[in-house]
């Protein structure tokens, strides 16, 4: 799990489309083209909106959340990373690796 203060890296080339507070949350959004958008929270951006980013580039740090927010996270670590394709949420692991494909197994007989 990512700790507060750690660097955040661009998952792919793109453009920062939002960097700032959304309600009481520090959010960073990147548009990657082909309808793909990734979002980080809580994220303190080091780049302003409109900045081009490249895969692996530092784009900010994991911020400590506001008091009372993200109570489900531990005291020193938490990061939400989401991905949308054409407005629909998809597991980021589908594109960055780590998501095992589904496999059908024979039913156990007992």
N, C-alpha and C. Protein backbone atom coordinates (compact mmCIF):
# COMPACT_ATOMS: atom_id res chain seq x y z
N UNK A 1 0.85 -1.17 0.00
CA UNK A 1 0.00 0.00 0.00
C UNK A 1 0.89 1.24 0.00
N UNK A 2 0.43 2.28 -0.62
CA UNK A 2 1.18 3.52 -0.76
C UNK A 2 1.03 4.38 0.49
N UNK A 3 2.14 4.93 0.97
CA UNK A 3 2.12 5.78 2.16
C UNK A 3 2.00 7.25 1.78
N UNK A 4 1.46 8.04 2.70
CA UNK A 4 1.36 9.48 2.48
C UNK A 4 2.76 10.05 2.24
N UNK A 5 2.86 10.97 1.29
CA UNK A 5 4.12 11.60 0.95
C UNK A 5 4.88 10.90 -0.15
N UNK A 6 4.49 9.67 -0.51
CA UNK A 6 5.18 8.97 -1.59
C UNK A 6 4.81 9.57 -2.94
N UNK A 7 5.74 9.44 -3.89
CA UNK A 7 5.50 9.95 -5.23
C UNK A 7 4.42 9.14 -5.94
N UNK A 8 3.69 9.83 -6.81
CA UNK A 8 2.75 9.20 -7.72
C UNK A 8 3.34 9.31 -9.12
N UNK A 9 3.16 8.27 -9.92
CA UNK A 9 3.73 8.23 -11.26
C UNK A 9 2.63 8.07 -12.30
N UNK A 10 2.81 8.71 -13.44
CA UNK A 10 1.82 8.59 -14.52
C UNK A 10 1.79 7.14 -15.01
N UNK A 11 0.60 6.53 -15.07
CA UNK A 11 0.51 5.15 -15.53
C UNK A 11 0.70 5.01 -17.04
N UNK A 12 0.51 6.11 -17.77
CA UNK A 12 0.65 6.12 -19.23
C UNK A 12 0.76 7.59 -19.66
N UNK A 13 1.16 7.83 -20.90
CA UNK A 13 1.19 9.18 -21.44
C UNK A 13 -0.21 9.79 -21.41
N UNK A 14 -0.29 11.11 -21.20
CA UNK A 14 -1.59 11.76 -21.20
C UNK A 14 -1.48 13.23 -20.87
N UNK A 15 -2.61 13.83 -20.51
CA UNK A 15 -2.70 15.24 -20.16
C UNK A 15 -3.48 15.36 -18.85
N UNK A 16 -2.96 16.17 -17.93
CA UNK A 16 -3.65 16.40 -16.66
C UNK A 16 -4.92 17.19 -16.97
N UNK A 17 -6.08 16.61 -16.64
CA UNK A 17 -7.34 17.31 -16.93
C UNK A 17 -7.96 17.93 -15.69
N UNK A 18 -7.51 17.50 -14.50
CA UNK A 18 -7.96 18.13 -13.26
C UNK A 18 -6.91 17.87 -12.20
N UNK A 19 -6.61 18.91 -11.43
CA UNK A 19 -5.67 18.80 -10.31
C UNK A 19 -6.12 19.79 -9.25
N UNK A 20 -6.73 19.29 -8.19
CA UNK A 20 -7.19 20.19 -7.15
C UNK A 20 -8.17 19.52 -6.20
N UNK A 21 -8.89 20.35 -5.47
CA UNK A 21 -9.86 19.86 -4.48
C UNK A 21 -11.21 19.63 -5.15
N UNK A 22 -11.78 18.47 -4.89
CA UNK A 22 -13.12 18.14 -5.34
C UNK A 22 -13.90 17.81 -4.08
N UNK A 23 -14.80 18.70 -3.69
CA UNK A 23 -15.47 18.69 -2.39
C UNK A 23 -14.34 18.81 -1.35
N UNK A 24 -14.06 17.78 -0.58
CA UNK A 24 -12.96 17.86 0.40
C UNK A 24 -11.86 16.86 0.06
N UNK A 25 -11.72 16.55 -1.22
CA UNK A 25 -10.76 15.53 -1.65
C UNK A 25 -9.74 16.11 -2.63
N UNK A 26 -8.48 15.77 -2.42
CA UNK A 26 -7.43 16.16 -3.36
C UNK A 26 -7.41 15.12 -4.48
N UNK A 27 -7.74 15.55 -5.70
CA UNK A 27 -7.91 14.64 -6.83
C UNK A 27 -7.00 15.06 -7.98
N UNK A 28 -6.47 14.05 -8.67
CA UNK A 28 -5.67 14.27 -9.88
C UNK A 28 -6.24 13.36 -10.96
N UNK A 29 -6.62 13.96 -12.10
CA UNK A 29 -7.21 13.22 -13.21
C UNK A 29 -6.36 13.39 -14.45
N UNK A 30 -6.12 12.29 -15.16
CA UNK A 30 -5.32 12.32 -16.39
C UNK A 30 -6.13 11.68 -17.52
N UNK A 31 -6.19 12.38 -18.67
CA UNK A 31 -6.81 11.84 -19.88
C UNK A 31 -5.69 11.25 -20.74
N UNK A 32 -5.88 9.99 -21.14
CA UNK A 32 -4.83 9.28 -21.88
C UNK A 32 -5.15 9.09 -23.35
N UNK A 33 -6.30 9.55 -23.82
CA UNK A 33 -6.72 9.32 -25.19
C UNK A 33 -7.50 8.02 -25.29
N UNK A 34 -8.15 7.82 -26.42
CA UNK A 34 -8.98 6.62 -26.67
C UNK A 34 -10.03 6.43 -25.58
N UNK A 35 -10.49 7.52 -24.96
CA UNK A 35 -11.53 7.46 -23.95
C UNK A 35 -11.07 6.99 -22.57
N UNK A 36 -9.75 6.85 -22.37
CA UNK A 36 -9.22 6.36 -21.10
C UNK A 36 -8.86 7.52 -20.18
N UNK A 37 -9.38 7.45 -18.94
CA UNK A 37 -9.12 8.46 -17.91
C UNK A 37 -8.71 7.72 -16.64
N UNK A 38 -7.62 8.19 -15.99
CA UNK A 38 -7.25 7.64 -14.69
C UNK A 38 -7.36 8.75 -13.65
N UNK A 39 -7.60 8.32 -12.40
CA UNK A 39 -7.80 9.28 -11.33
C UNK A 39 -7.13 8.77 -10.05
N UNK A 40 -6.49 9.69 -9.34
CA UNK A 40 -5.82 9.39 -8.08
C UNK A 40 -6.43 10.23 -6.97
N UNK A 41 -6.53 9.64 -5.78
CA UNK A 41 -7.09 10.36 -4.64
C UNK A 41 -6.64 9.69 -3.35
N UNK A 42 -6.15 10.38 -2.36
CA UNK A 42 -5.84 11.81 -2.30
C UNK A 42 -4.49 12.09 -2.96
N UNK A 43 -4.45 13.02 -3.88
CA UNK A 43 -3.26 13.29 -4.66
C UNK A 43 -2.97 14.78 -4.71
N UNK A 44 -1.79 15.16 -4.23
CA UNK A 44 -1.33 16.54 -4.35
C UNK A 44 -0.51 16.61 -5.64
N UNK A 45 -1.05 17.28 -6.64
CA UNK A 45 -0.42 17.34 -7.95
C UNK A 45 0.78 18.27 -7.95
N UNK A 46 1.82 17.86 -8.66
CA UNK A 46 2.97 18.73 -8.86
C UNK A 46 2.88 19.45 -10.20
N UNK A 47 1.89 19.08 -11.01
CA UNK A 47 1.71 19.66 -12.34
C UNK A 47 0.33 20.30 -12.45
N UNK A 48 0.24 21.43 -13.13
CA UNK A 48 -1.08 22.07 -13.29
C UNK A 48 -1.91 21.41 -14.38
N UNK A 49 -3.20 21.69 -14.37
CA UNK A 49 -4.11 21.22 -15.40
C UNK A 49 -3.57 21.64 -16.77
N UNK A 50 -3.65 20.72 -17.73
CA UNK A 50 -3.18 20.99 -19.09
C UNK A 50 -1.77 20.49 -19.34
N UNK A 51 -1.06 20.07 -18.30
CA UNK A 51 0.31 19.59 -18.46
C UNK A 51 0.33 18.22 -19.14
N UNK A 52 1.25 18.06 -20.08
CA UNK A 52 1.47 16.74 -20.69
C UNK A 52 2.29 15.91 -19.72
N UNK A 53 1.94 14.64 -19.58
CA UNK A 53 2.69 13.73 -18.72
C UNK A 53 3.08 12.50 -19.54
N UNK A 54 4.15 11.87 -19.09
CA UNK A 54 4.65 10.69 -19.78
C UNK A 54 4.73 9.53 -18.80
N UNK A 55 4.49 8.34 -19.29
CA UNK A 55 4.49 7.14 -18.47
C UNK A 55 5.73 7.12 -17.57
N UNK A 56 5.51 6.92 -16.26
CA UNK A 56 6.60 6.84 -15.30
C UNK A 56 7.04 8.17 -14.72
N UNK A 57 6.52 9.28 -15.24
CA UNK A 57 6.87 10.62 -14.74
C UNK A 57 6.19 10.88 -13.39
N UNK A 58 6.90 11.53 -12.47
CA UNK A 58 6.30 11.92 -11.19
C UNK A 58 5.25 12.98 -11.47
N UNK A 59 4.03 12.74 -10.97
CA UNK A 59 2.91 13.66 -11.22
C UNK A 59 2.40 14.30 -9.95
N UNK A 60 2.93 13.88 -8.80
CA UNK A 60 2.49 14.43 -7.52
C UNK A 60 2.86 13.49 -6.40
N UNK A 61 2.22 13.70 -5.25
CA UNK A 61 2.44 12.85 -4.08
C UNK A 61 1.10 12.45 -3.48
N UNK A 62 1.15 11.40 -2.69
CA UNK A 62 -0.04 10.97 -1.96
C UNK A 62 -0.21 11.90 -0.77
N UNK A 63 -1.30 12.65 -0.73
CA UNK A 63 -1.56 13.60 0.35
C UNK A 63 -2.17 12.88 1.55
N UNK A 64 -1.95 13.44 2.71
CA UNK A 64 -2.70 13.00 3.88
C UNK A 64 -4.12 13.53 3.70
N UNK A 65 -5.14 12.71 3.90
CA UNK A 65 -6.51 13.17 3.69
C UNK A 65 -6.95 14.16 4.76
N UNK A 66 -7.98 14.92 4.44
CA UNK A 66 -8.55 15.85 5.41
C UNK A 66 -9.09 15.09 6.62
N UNK A 67 -9.09 15.72 7.75
CA UNK A 67 -9.60 15.09 8.98
C UNK A 67 -11.02 14.61 8.76
N UNK A 68 -11.31 13.40 9.20
CA UNK A 68 -12.65 12.85 9.07
C UNK A 68 -12.94 12.20 7.74
N UNK A 69 -12.03 12.33 6.79
CA UNK A 69 -12.21 11.75 5.47
C UNK A 69 -11.35 10.50 5.35
N UNK A 70 -11.78 9.55 4.60
CA UNK A 70 -11.07 8.28 4.39
C UNK A 70 -10.81 7.56 5.70
N UNK A 71 -11.82 7.46 6.52
CA UNK A 71 -11.68 6.80 7.80
C UNK A 71 -11.35 5.32 7.65
N UNK A 72 -11.64 4.75 6.49
CA UNK A 72 -11.35 3.34 6.25
C UNK A 72 -9.87 3.08 6.00
N UNK A 73 -9.10 4.12 5.78
CA UNK A 73 -7.67 3.97 5.52
C UNK A 73 -6.89 3.90 6.83
N UNK A 74 -5.68 3.34 6.75
CA UNK A 74 -4.84 3.31 7.94
C UNK A 74 -4.34 4.72 8.24
N UNK A 75 -3.66 4.87 9.35
CA UNK A 75 -3.19 6.19 9.79
C UNK A 75 -2.18 6.82 8.83
N UNK A 76 -1.39 6.00 8.12
CA UNK A 76 -0.31 6.57 7.33
C UNK A 76 -0.30 6.19 5.86
N UNK A 77 -1.33 5.50 5.39
CA UNK A 77 -1.31 5.10 3.99
C UNK A 77 -2.71 4.93 3.42
N UNK A 78 -2.85 5.37 2.18
CA UNK A 78 -4.12 5.20 1.48
C UNK A 78 -3.99 5.83 0.09
N UNK A 79 -4.48 5.14 -0.92
CA UNK A 79 -4.53 5.71 -2.26
C UNK A 79 -5.66 5.02 -3.01
N UNK A 80 -6.50 5.84 -3.63
CA UNK A 80 -7.54 5.32 -4.51
C UNK A 80 -7.10 5.61 -5.93
N UNK A 81 -7.09 4.59 -6.77
CA UNK A 81 -6.67 4.70 -8.17
C UNK A 81 -7.78 4.09 -9.01
N UNK A 82 -8.39 4.91 -9.87
CA UNK A 82 -9.48 4.40 -10.69
C UNK A 82 -9.20 4.66 -12.17
N UNK A 83 -9.92 3.93 -13.01
CA UNK A 83 -9.79 4.09 -14.45
C UNK A 83 -11.17 4.01 -15.07
N UNK A 84 -11.42 4.91 -16.02
CA UNK A 84 -12.66 4.88 -16.78
C UNK A 84 -12.31 4.77 -18.26
N UNK A 85 -13.12 4.01 -18.97
CA UNK A 85 -13.01 3.93 -20.42
C UNK A 85 -14.37 4.32 -20.97
N UNK A 86 -14.40 5.40 -21.73
CA UNK A 86 -15.66 5.95 -22.25
C UNK A 86 -16.68 6.14 -21.14
N UNK A 87 -16.22 6.62 -19.98
CA UNK A 87 -17.09 6.94 -18.86
C UNK A 87 -17.47 5.78 -17.97
N UNK A 88 -17.04 4.57 -18.30
CA UNK A 88 -17.38 3.39 -17.50
C UNK A 88 -16.15 2.93 -16.71
N UNK A 89 -16.36 2.65 -15.43
CA UNK A 89 -15.25 2.23 -14.58
C UNK A 89 -14.79 0.83 -14.96
N UNK A 90 -13.47 0.64 -14.91
CA UNK A 90 -12.82 -0.62 -15.23
C UNK A 90 -11.67 -0.78 -14.26
N UNK A 91 -11.33 -2.00 -13.91
CA UNK A 91 -10.19 -2.21 -13.02
C UNK A 91 -8.91 -1.74 -13.71
N UNK A 92 -8.13 -0.87 -13.06
CA UNK A 92 -6.85 -0.44 -13.65
C UNK A 92 -5.91 -1.61 -13.89
N UNK A 93 -6.06 -2.67 -13.11
CA UNK A 93 -5.19 -3.83 -13.27
C UNK A 93 -5.35 -4.49 -14.64
N UNK A 94 -6.49 -4.24 -15.30
CA UNK A 94 -6.72 -4.80 -16.63
C UNK A 94 -5.71 -4.27 -17.64
N UNK A 95 -5.24 -3.03 -17.44
CA UNK A 95 -4.30 -2.44 -18.39
C UNK A 95 -2.87 -2.36 -17.88
N UNK A 96 -2.68 -2.32 -16.57
CA UNK A 96 -1.31 -2.19 -16.06
C UNK A 96 -0.75 -3.50 -15.55
N UNK A 97 -1.51 -4.58 -15.68
CA UNK A 97 -1.04 -5.89 -15.27
C UNK A 97 -1.49 -6.23 -13.87
N UNK A 98 -1.42 -7.51 -13.55
CA UNK A 98 -1.76 -7.96 -12.21
C UNK A 98 -3.16 -8.52 -12.07
N UNK A 99 -3.97 -8.45 -13.12
CA UNK A 99 -5.32 -8.99 -13.05
C UNK A 99 -5.32 -10.34 -13.75
N UNK A 100 -5.55 -11.38 -12.99
CA UNK A 100 -5.57 -12.72 -13.57
C UNK A 100 -6.87 -12.92 -14.33
N UNK A 101 -6.80 -13.56 -15.49
CA UNK A 101 -8.04 -13.82 -16.23
C UNK A 101 -8.90 -14.84 -15.51
N UNK A 102 -10.21 -14.78 -15.75
CA UNK A 102 -11.13 -15.76 -15.16
C UNK A 102 -10.88 -17.12 -15.80
N UNK A 103 -11.03 -18.14 -14.98
CA UNK A 103 -10.87 -19.50 -15.47
C UNK A 103 -12.03 -20.33 -14.94
N UNK A 104 -12.63 -21.12 -15.80
CA UNK A 104 -13.68 -22.02 -15.36
C UNK A 104 -13.04 -23.30 -14.87
N UNK A 105 -13.44 -23.76 -13.71
CA UNK A 105 -12.92 -24.99 -13.13
C UNK A 105 -14.03 -26.02 -13.07
N UNK A 106 -13.67 -27.28 -13.17
CA UNK A 106 -14.72 -28.31 -13.06
C UNK A 106 -15.36 -28.27 -11.69
N UNK A 107 -16.65 -28.57 -11.64
CA UNK A 107 -17.37 -28.57 -10.37
C UNK A 107 -16.98 -29.81 -9.57
N UNK A 108 -16.69 -29.61 -8.29
CA UNK A 108 -16.34 -30.72 -7.43
C UNK A 108 -17.58 -31.55 -7.15
N UNK A 109 -17.43 -32.83 -7.21
CA UNK A 109 -18.56 -33.74 -6.92
C UNK A 109 -18.32 -34.37 -5.58
N UNK A 110 -19.33 -34.40 -4.79
CA UNK A 110 -19.10 -34.94 -3.47
C UNK A 110 -20.19 -35.69 -2.97
